[in-house]
Amino acid sequence: MSVAMVNSSTVMEFIQDTETFNSSIKECFEMLDVDGNGMLSQRELRDGFHRVFSLEYNLYDAIFKRFDEDQNGLIDPTEFRSLVRELMLAMARGFGDLPILVALEQDSLLMKAAQHELACLDVKRARRKNSKKQKNVFFGVCLCCHKSKTS
């Protein structure tokens, strides 16, 4: 387990990054699909979903019933993505704007959301750092040390 600080924007930005979110959902689905048939049985969901979300054990049957849209007794990847998206949106609403310190499983989607947020912050910092360097150069001469910049 790890500790992370999350709030609603941590989760919302993760969901809005469709490529990263869908990749994470696919990874989680494959982790839960123990028999590898491309569908989640009620048992597979119940036995492994705690690694993705920390929920009360008695909620799994209700969740399964709610998201098994075609009522075939299995959750397909599209139904799973819908399930996870709805649960994460509900969490985001519950977190609100204030940061909350939470203990998370390494494979959990909230941990992936927190990691996504950190990666985005690193990219923003790097861009800011590069733009500051560029702003300090005037006609190829560094304004700080007055040396010629040939990059």
N, C-alpha and C. Protein backbone atom coordinates (compact mmCIF):
# COMPACT_ATOMS: atom_id res chain seq x y z
N MET A 1 0.82 -1.18 0.00
CA MET A 1 0.00 0.00 0.00
C MET A 1 0.86 1.24 0.00
N SER A 2 0.34 2.26 -0.63
CA SER A 2 1.01 3.56 -0.68
C SER A 2 0.02 4.63 -0.25
N VAL A 3 0.55 5.77 0.10
CA VAL A 3 -0.29 6.91 0.48
C VAL A 3 -0.18 7.96 -0.62
N ALA A 4 -1.33 8.51 -0.99
CA ALA A 4 -1.35 9.56 -2.02
C ALA A 4 -2.35 10.63 -1.62
N MET A 5 -2.13 11.82 -2.14
CA MET A 5 -3.06 12.92 -1.91
C MET A 5 -3.88 13.08 -3.19
N VAL A 6 -5.21 13.02 -3.05
CA VAL A 6 -6.09 13.14 -4.21
C VAL A 6 -7.21 14.14 -3.92
N ASN A 7 -7.79 14.66 -4.98
CA ASN A 7 -9.00 15.46 -4.88
C ASN A 7 -9.79 15.24 -6.17
N SER A 8 -10.86 15.97 -6.35
CA SER A 8 -11.71 15.74 -7.51
C SER A 8 -10.97 15.96 -8.82
N SER A 9 -10.09 16.95 -8.88
CA SER A 9 -9.39 17.19 -10.15
C SER A 9 -8.40 16.07 -10.47
N THR A 10 -7.85 15.40 -9.46
CA THR A 10 -6.98 14.24 -9.71
C THR A 10 -7.73 13.21 -10.52
N VAL A 11 -8.94 12.91 -10.10
CA VAL A 11 -9.76 11.88 -10.75
C VAL A 11 -10.31 12.38 -12.09
N MET A 12 -10.82 13.60 -12.11
CA MET A 12 -11.44 14.13 -13.34
C MET A 12 -10.43 14.24 -14.48
N GLU A 13 -9.23 14.72 -14.20
CA GLU A 13 -8.22 14.86 -15.24
C GLU A 13 -7.77 13.50 -15.75
N PHE A 14 -7.74 12.51 -14.87
CA PHE A 14 -7.40 11.14 -15.27
C PHE A 14 -8.47 10.60 -16.23
N ILE A 15 -9.73 10.79 -15.90
CA ILE A 15 -10.83 10.32 -16.75
C ILE A 15 -10.84 11.06 -18.08
N GLN A 16 -10.56 12.36 -18.06
CA GLN A 16 -10.59 13.16 -19.28
C GLN A 16 -9.44 12.85 -20.23
N ASP A 17 -8.35 12.30 -19.71
CA ASP A 17 -7.26 11.86 -20.58
C ASP A 17 -7.65 10.48 -21.12
N THR A 18 -8.45 10.47 -22.16
CA THR A 18 -9.10 9.26 -22.66
C THR A 18 -8.11 8.14 -22.96
N GLU A 19 -6.99 8.48 -23.56
CA GLU A 19 -6.01 7.46 -23.92
C GLU A 19 -5.46 6.76 -22.67
N THR A 20 -5.05 7.53 -21.69
CA THR A 20 -4.50 6.97 -20.46
C THR A 20 -5.57 6.21 -19.68
N PHE A 21 -6.76 6.81 -19.58
CA PHE A 21 -7.85 6.17 -18.84
C PHE A 21 -8.21 4.83 -19.48
N ASN A 22 -8.42 4.81 -20.79
CA ASN A 22 -8.81 3.56 -21.46
C ASN A 22 -7.71 2.51 -21.36
N SER A 23 -6.46 2.93 -21.43
CA SER A 23 -5.35 1.99 -21.27
C SER A 23 -5.36 1.38 -19.87
N SER A 24 -5.61 2.20 -18.86
CA SER A 24 -5.66 1.71 -17.48
C SER A 24 -6.84 0.77 -17.28
N ILE A 25 -7.98 1.09 -17.89
CA ILE A 25 -9.16 0.24 -17.77
C ILE A 25 -8.88 -1.11 -18.42
N LYS A 26 -8.25 -1.08 -19.58
CA LYS A 26 -7.92 -2.33 -20.28
C LYS A 26 -6.99 -3.19 -19.43
N GLU A 27 -5.99 -2.56 -18.85
CA GLU A 27 -5.04 -3.27 -17.98
C GLU A 27 -5.76 -3.91 -16.79
N CYS A 28 -6.66 -3.15 -16.14
CA CYS A 28 -7.41 -3.68 -15.00
C CYS A 28 -8.34 -4.81 -15.42
N PHE A 29 -9.00 -4.64 -16.55
CA PHE A 29 -9.91 -5.67 -17.04
C PHE A 29 -9.15 -6.97 -17.26
N GLU A 30 -8.00 -6.87 -17.91
CA GLU A 30 -7.20 -8.06 -18.19
C GLU A 30 -6.70 -8.71 -16.90
N MET A 31 -6.39 -7.91 -15.89
CA MET A 31 -5.96 -8.43 -14.60
C MET A 31 -7.09 -9.22 -13.93
N LEU A 32 -8.32 -8.72 -14.05
CA LEU A 32 -9.47 -9.37 -13.42
C LEU A 32 -9.97 -10.57 -14.21
N ASP A 33 -9.76 -10.58 -15.51
CA ASP A 33 -10.24 -11.66 -16.38
C ASP A 33 -9.33 -12.88 -16.24
N VAL A 34 -9.49 -13.59 -15.13
CA VAL A 34 -8.61 -14.70 -14.78
C VAL A 34 -8.63 -15.81 -15.83
N ASP A 35 -9.80 -16.14 -16.36
CA ASP A 35 -9.87 -17.23 -17.34
C ASP A 35 -9.54 -16.78 -18.76
N GLY A 36 -9.35 -15.47 -18.97
CA GLY A 36 -8.91 -14.95 -20.25
C GLY A 36 -9.92 -15.04 -21.38
N ASN A 37 -11.21 -15.13 -21.06
CA ASN A 37 -12.24 -15.25 -22.11
C ASN A 37 -12.74 -13.90 -22.62
N GLY A 38 -12.17 -12.80 -22.12
CA GLY A 38 -12.58 -11.48 -22.58
C GLY A 38 -13.85 -10.96 -21.92
N MET A 39 -14.33 -11.65 -20.90
CA MET A 39 -15.53 -11.25 -20.15
C MET A 39 -15.24 -11.46 -18.66
N LEU A 40 -15.92 -10.69 -17.82
CA LEU A 40 -15.78 -10.88 -16.37
C LEU A 40 -17.03 -11.55 -15.83
N SER A 41 -16.82 -12.67 -15.17
CA SER A 41 -17.94 -13.32 -14.48
C SER A 41 -18.17 -12.60 -13.16
N GLN A 42 -19.27 -12.90 -12.53
CA GLN A 42 -19.57 -12.29 -11.24
C GLN A 42 -18.48 -12.67 -10.23
N ARG A 43 -18.02 -13.89 -10.30
CA ARG A 43 -16.97 -14.37 -9.39
C ARG A 43 -15.65 -13.63 -9.63
N GLU A 44 -15.27 -13.45 -10.90
CA GLU A 44 -14.03 -12.74 -11.20
C GLU A 44 -14.09 -11.30 -10.70
N LEU A 45 -15.23 -10.66 -10.89
CA LEU A 45 -15.39 -9.29 -10.42
C LEU A 45 -15.28 -9.24 -8.90
N ARG A 46 -15.99 -10.14 -8.23
CA ARG A 46 -16.00 -10.17 -6.76
C ARG A 46 -14.61 -10.50 -6.21
N ASP A 47 -13.92 -11.45 -6.82
CA ASP A 47 -12.62 -11.89 -6.30
C ASP A 47 -11.49 -10.89 -6.53
N GLY A 48 -11.57 -10.09 -7.59
CA GLY A 48 -10.44 -9.22 -7.90
C GLY A 48 -10.69 -7.74 -7.86
N PHE A 49 -11.94 -7.32 -7.81
CA PHE A 49 -12.25 -5.90 -7.93
C PHE A 49 -11.69 -5.08 -6.77
N HIS A 50 -11.47 -5.73 -5.62
CA HIS A 50 -10.91 -5.01 -4.47
C HIS A 50 -9.52 -4.46 -4.77
N ARG A 51 -8.81 -5.05 -5.76
CA ARG A 51 -7.49 -4.54 -6.14
C ARG A 51 -7.61 -3.23 -6.93
N VAL A 52 -8.76 -3.05 -7.58
CA VAL A 52 -9.00 -1.87 -8.40
C VAL A 52 -9.70 -0.78 -7.58
N PHE A 53 -10.68 -1.19 -6.78
CA PHE A 53 -11.45 -0.29 -5.92
C PHE A 53 -11.62 -0.93 -4.55
N SER A 54 -11.54 -0.14 -3.52
CA SER A 54 -11.84 -0.63 -2.18
C SER A 54 -13.32 -0.39 -1.91
N LEU A 55 -14.10 -1.44 -1.98
CA LEU A 55 -15.54 -1.35 -1.74
C LEU A 55 -15.95 -2.42 -0.74
N GLU A 56 -17.07 -2.20 -0.13
CA GLU A 56 -17.63 -3.21 0.77
C GLU A 56 -17.94 -4.47 -0.04
N TYR A 57 -17.65 -5.62 0.52
CA TYR A 57 -17.82 -6.89 -0.18
C TYR A 57 -19.26 -7.10 -0.64
N ASN A 58 -20.23 -6.67 0.13
CA ASN A 58 -21.63 -6.91 -0.21
C ASN A 58 -22.14 -6.02 -1.35
N LEU A 59 -21.33 -5.08 -1.82
CA LEU A 59 -21.74 -4.21 -2.93
C LEU A 59 -21.50 -4.83 -4.31
N TYR A 60 -20.64 -5.83 -4.39
CA TYR A 60 -20.25 -6.37 -5.69
C TYR A 60 -21.42 -6.94 -6.49
N ASP A 61 -22.32 -7.65 -5.82
CA ASP A 61 -23.46 -8.22 -6.54
C ASP A 61 -24.35 -7.12 -7.12
N ALA A 62 -24.58 -6.06 -6.35
CA ALA A 62 -25.40 -4.95 -6.83
C ALA A 62 -24.70 -4.23 -7.99
N ILE A 63 -23.40 -4.05 -7.88
CA ILE A 63 -22.63 -3.41 -8.95
C ILE A 63 -22.69 -4.27 -10.21
N PHE A 64 -22.50 -5.56 -10.04
CA PHE A 64 -22.54 -6.47 -11.19
C PHE A 64 -23.89 -6.39 -11.89
N LYS A 65 -24.94 -6.45 -11.12
CA LYS A 65 -26.29 -6.40 -11.69
C LYS A 65 -26.54 -5.08 -12.41
N ARG A 66 -26.08 -3.98 -11.83
CA ARG A 66 -26.29 -2.65 -12.42
C ARG A 66 -25.57 -2.49 -13.77
N PHE A 67 -24.38 -3.06 -13.89
CA PHE A 67 -23.57 -2.82 -15.09
C PHE A 67 -23.61 -3.95 -16.11
N ASP A 68 -24.23 -5.05 -15.79
CA ASP A 68 -24.42 -6.13 -16.77
C ASP A 68 -25.63 -5.73 -17.63
N GLU A 69 -25.40 -4.76 -18.51
CA GLU A 69 -26.49 -4.14 -19.27
C GLU A 69 -27.30 -5.12 -20.12
N ASP A 70 -26.62 -6.10 -20.72
CA ASP A 70 -27.34 -7.06 -21.56
C ASP A 70 -27.85 -8.27 -20.77
N GLN A 71 -27.62 -8.24 -19.44
CA GLN A 71 -28.11 -9.29 -18.54
C GLN A 71 -27.71 -10.70 -18.98
N ASN A 72 -26.47 -10.84 -19.50
CA ASN A 72 -25.99 -12.16 -19.92
C ASN A 72 -25.15 -12.84 -18.84
N GLY A 73 -25.07 -12.22 -17.66
CA GLY A 73 -24.31 -12.81 -16.56
C GLY A 73 -22.81 -12.56 -16.65
N LEU A 74 -22.39 -11.69 -17.58
CA LEU A 74 -20.98 -11.37 -17.77
C LEU A 74 -20.83 -9.87 -18.01
N ILE A 75 -19.69 -9.34 -17.62
CA ILE A 75 -19.36 -7.93 -17.87
C ILE A 75 -18.33 -7.90 -19.00
N ASP A 76 -18.68 -7.26 -20.10
CA ASP A 76 -17.73 -7.14 -21.21
C ASP A 76 -16.88 -5.89 -21.02
N PRO A 77 -15.84 -5.69 -21.83
CA PRO A 77 -14.96 -4.52 -21.65
C PRO A 77 -15.69 -3.17 -21.69
N THR A 78 -16.70 -3.03 -22.54
CA THR A 78 -17.45 -1.77 -22.63
C THR A 78 -18.24 -1.53 -21.35
N GLU A 79 -18.89 -2.57 -20.85
CA GLU A 79 -19.65 -2.46 -19.59
C GLU A 79 -18.70 -2.14 -18.44
N PHE A 80 -17.51 -2.75 -18.46
CA PHE A 80 -16.52 -2.51 -17.41
C PHE A 80 -16.04 -1.06 -17.42
N ARG A 81 -15.76 -0.52 -18.61
CA ARG A 81 -15.33 0.87 -18.72
C ARG A 81 -16.42 1.81 -18.19
N SER A 82 -17.65 1.50 -18.51
CA SER A 82 -18.79 2.30 -18.03
C SER A 82 -18.88 2.23 -16.51
N LEU A 83 -18.71 1.04 -15.96
CA LEU A 83 -18.75 0.83 -14.52
C LEU A 83 -17.67 1.64 -13.82
N VAL A 84 -16.45 1.52 -14.29
CA VAL A 84 -15.33 2.20 -13.65
C VAL A 84 -15.47 3.72 -13.78
N ARG A 85 -15.88 4.18 -14.94
CA ARG A 85 -16.06 5.62 -15.15
C ARG A 85 -17.10 6.19 -14.18
N GLU A 86 -18.23 5.50 -14.04
CA GLU A 86 -19.28 5.98 -13.15
C GLU A 86 -18.82 5.96 -11.69
N LEU A 87 -18.13 4.91 -11.27
CA LEU A 87 -17.63 4.84 -9.90
C LEU A 87 -16.60 5.93 -9.62
N MET A 88 -15.72 6.19 -10.59
CA MET A 88 -14.69 7.21 -10.39
C MET A 88 -15.29 8.61 -10.38
N LEU A 89 -16.30 8.85 -11.20
CA LEU A 89 -16.98 10.15 -11.18
C LEU A 89 -17.66 10.37 -9.82
N ALA A 90 -18.25 9.31 -9.28
CA ALA A 90 -18.88 9.41 -7.96
C ALA A 90 -17.83 9.72 -6.89
N MET A 91 -16.68 9.09 -6.99
CA MET A 91 -15.59 9.36 -6.04
C MET A 91 -15.13 10.81 -6.15
N ALA A 92 -14.99 11.29 -7.39
CA ALA A 92 -14.54 12.67 -7.59
C ALA A 92 -15.52 13.64 -6.94
N ARG A 93 -16.80 13.40 -7.12
CA ARG A 93 -17.81 14.27 -6.48
C ARG A 93 -17.69 14.20 -4.96
N GLY A 94 -17.41 13.02 -4.45
CA GLY A 94 -17.28 12.85 -3.00
C GLY A 94 -16.03 13.51 -2.44
N PHE A 95 -14.94 13.49 -3.19
CA PHE A 95 -13.69 14.10 -2.72
C PHE A 95 -13.80 15.62 -2.63
N GLY A 96 -14.43 16.23 -3.60
CA GLY A 96 -14.49 17.68 -3.64
C GLY A 96 -13.13 18.26 -4.00
N ASP A 97 -12.97 19.55 -3.75
CA ASP A 97 -11.75 20.25 -4.17
C ASP A 97 -10.61 20.18 -3.17
N LEU A 98 -10.90 19.86 -1.92
CA LEU A 98 -9.84 19.79 -0.92
C LEU A 98 -9.08 18.48 -1.03
N PRO A 99 -7.76 18.52 -0.92
CA PRO A 99 -6.98 17.28 -1.02
C PRO A 99 -7.24 16.36 0.17
N ILE A 100 -7.28 15.08 -0.14
CA ILE A 100 -7.51 14.05 0.87
C ILE A 100 -6.35 13.07 0.81
N LEU A 101 -5.81 12.71 1.94
CA LEU A 101 -4.74 11.74 2.03
C LEU A 101 -5.36 10.35 2.15
N VAL A 102 -5.04 9.45 1.20
CA VAL A 102 -5.63 8.11 1.21
C VAL A 102 -4.55 7.04 1.04
N ALA A 103 -4.81 5.89 1.63
CA ALA A 103 -3.95 4.72 1.44
C ALA A 103 -4.51 3.94 0.26
N LEU A 104 -3.65 3.63 -0.71
CA LEU A 104 -4.10 3.01 -1.95
C LEU A 104 -3.28 1.77 -2.29
N GLU A 105 -3.96 0.80 -2.86
CA GLU A 105 -3.28 -0.37 -3.42
C GLU A 105 -2.51 0.09 -4.65
N GLN A 106 -1.38 -0.54 -4.92
CA GLN A 106 -0.54 -0.14 -6.06
C GLN A 106 -1.29 -0.29 -7.39
N ASP A 107 -2.15 -1.30 -7.53
CA ASP A 107 -2.87 -1.54 -8.78
C ASP A 107 -4.18 -0.75 -8.88
N SER A 108 -4.54 0.00 -7.85
CA SER A 108 -5.85 0.66 -7.85
C SER A 108 -5.90 1.79 -8.88
N LEU A 109 -7.09 2.06 -9.35
CA LEU A 109 -7.27 3.12 -10.33
C LEU A 109 -7.05 4.50 -9.71
N LEU A 110 -7.33 4.66 -8.44
CA LEU A 110 -7.02 5.94 -7.79
C LEU A 110 -5.52 6.17 -7.73
N MET A 111 -4.75 5.10 -7.54
CA MET A 111 -3.29 5.24 -7.56
C MET A 111 -2.83 5.63 -8.97
N LYS A 112 -3.44 5.04 -9.98
CA LYS A 112 -3.12 5.40 -11.36
C LYS A 112 -3.48 6.86 -11.64
N ALA A 113 -4.60 7.32 -11.07
CA ALA A 113 -5.00 8.72 -11.23
C ALA A 113 -3.97 9.64 -10.56
N ALA A 114 -3.52 9.27 -9.36
CA ALA A 114 -2.52 10.08 -8.66
C ALA A 114 -1.20 10.09 -9.44
N GLN A 115 -0.79 8.95 -9.98
CA GLN A 115 0.43 8.88 -10.78
C GLN A 115 0.30 9.71 -12.05
N HIS A 116 -0.89 9.68 -12.65
CA HIS A 116 -1.15 10.48 -13.85
C HIS A 116 -1.00 11.97 -13.53
N GLU A 117 -1.56 12.38 -12.40
CA GLU A 117 -1.46 13.78 -12.00
C GLU A 117 0.00 14.19 -11.81
N LEU A 118 0.79 13.35 -11.16
CA LEU A 118 2.22 13.66 -10.96
C LEU A 118 2.96 13.76 -12.28
N ALA A 119 2.66 12.84 -13.20
CA ALA A 119 3.31 12.88 -14.52
C ALA A 119 2.96 14.16 -15.27
N CYS A 120 1.71 14.58 -15.18
CA CYS A 120 1.29 15.83 -15.84
C CYS A 120 1.98 17.03 -15.22
N LEU A 121 2.14 17.02 -13.90
CA LEU A 121 2.84 18.12 -13.23
C LEU A 121 4.30 18.18 -13.65
N ASP A 122 4.93 16.99 -13.80
CA ASP A 122 6.33 16.96 -14.25
C ASP A 122 6.47 17.54 -15.65
N VAL A 123 5.53 17.23 -16.53
CA VAL A 123 5.57 17.76 -17.90
C VAL A 123 5.40 19.27 -17.87
N LYS A 124 4.46 19.76 -17.06
CA LYS A 124 4.24 21.21 -16.96
C LYS A 124 5.48 21.92 -16.43
N ARG A 125 6.12 21.32 -15.42
CA ARG A 125 7.34 21.93 -14.85
C ARG A 125 8.45 21.99 -15.90
N ALA A 126 8.61 20.90 -16.65
CA ALA A 126 9.65 20.86 -17.68
C ALA A 126 9.38 21.91 -18.75
N ARG A 127 8.13 22.07 -19.15
CA ARG A 127 7.80 23.09 -20.15
C ARG A 127 8.08 24.49 -19.63
N ARG A 128 7.71 24.72 -18.37
CA ARG A 128 7.95 26.03 -17.76
C ARG A 128 9.45 26.32 -17.68
N LYS A 129 10.21 25.30 -17.30
CA LYS A 129 11.66 25.46 -17.17
C LYS A 129 12.27 25.78 -18.54
N ASN A 130 11.83 25.08 -19.58
CA ASN A 130 12.34 25.33 -20.93
C ASN A 130 11.94 26.71 -21.43
N SER A 131 10.72 27.13 -21.12
CA SER A 131 10.28 28.45 -21.60
C SER A 131 11.04 29.56 -20.87
N LYS A 132 11.40 29.34 -19.60
CA LYS A 132 12.19 30.33 -18.88
C LYS A 132 13.57 30.45 -19.49
N LYS A 133 14.17 29.32 -19.87
CA LYS A 133 15.48 29.35 -20.51
C LYS A 133 15.41 30.13 -21.81
N GLN A 134 14.37 29.90 -22.57
CA GLN A 134 14.23 30.57 -23.85
C GLN A 134 13.98 32.06 -23.66
N LYS A 135 13.27 32.44 -22.61
CA LYS A 135 12.99 33.85 -22.36
C LYS A 135 14.26 34.61 -21.95
N ASN A 136 15.24 33.89 -21.39
CA ASN A 136 16.47 34.54 -20.94
C ASN A 136 17.49 34.69 -22.06
N VAL A 137 17.11 34.37 -23.28
CA VAL A 137 18.03 34.47 -24.42
C VAL A 137 17.51 35.56 -25.35
N PHE A 138 18.39 36.48 -25.71
CA PHE A 138 18.02 37.59 -26.61
C PHE A 138 19.05 37.63 -27.74
N PHE A 139 18.60 37.38 -28.96
CA PHE A 139 19.48 37.33 -30.14
C PHE A 139 20.66 36.38 -29.92
N GLY A 140 20.37 35.23 -29.33
CA GLY A 140 21.39 34.20 -29.16
C GLY A 140 22.36 34.45 -28.02
N VAL A 141 22.09 35.44 -27.18
CA VAL A 141 22.96 35.73 -26.04
C VAL A 141 22.16 35.58 -24.76
N CYS A 142 22.70 34.79 -23.83
CA CYS A 142 22.03 34.58 -22.55
C CYS A 142 22.04 35.89 -21.76
N LEU A 143 20.89 36.30 -21.27
CA LEU A 143 20.79 37.56 -20.53
C LEU A 143 21.35 37.45 -19.10
N CYS A 144 21.55 36.21 -18.64
CA CYS A 144 22.08 36.01 -17.29
C CYS A 144 23.61 36.10 -17.27
N CYS A 145 24.25 35.36 -18.17
CA CYS A 145 25.71 35.28 -18.13
C CYS A 145 26.37 35.94 -19.34
N HIS A 146 25.55 36.41 -20.31
CA HIS A 146 26.01 37.11 -21.51
C HIS A 146 26.86 36.24 -22.45
N LYS A 147 26.72 34.91 -22.30
CA LYS A 147 27.44 34.00 -23.21
C LYS A 147 26.56 33.72 -24.40
N SER A 148 27.18 33.40 -25.50
CA SER A 148 26.47 33.08 -26.72
C SER A 148 25.82 31.72 -26.60
N LYS A 149 24.54 31.65 -26.97
CA LYS A 149 23.79 30.38 -26.95
C LYS A 149 23.71 29.84 -28.38
N THR A 150 24.20 28.64 -28.57
CA THR A 150 24.20 28.06 -29.92
C THR A 150 23.29 26.85 -30.02
N SER A 151 22.31 26.75 -29.14
CA SER A 151 21.40 25.59 -29.16
C SER A 151 20.19 25.86 -30.00
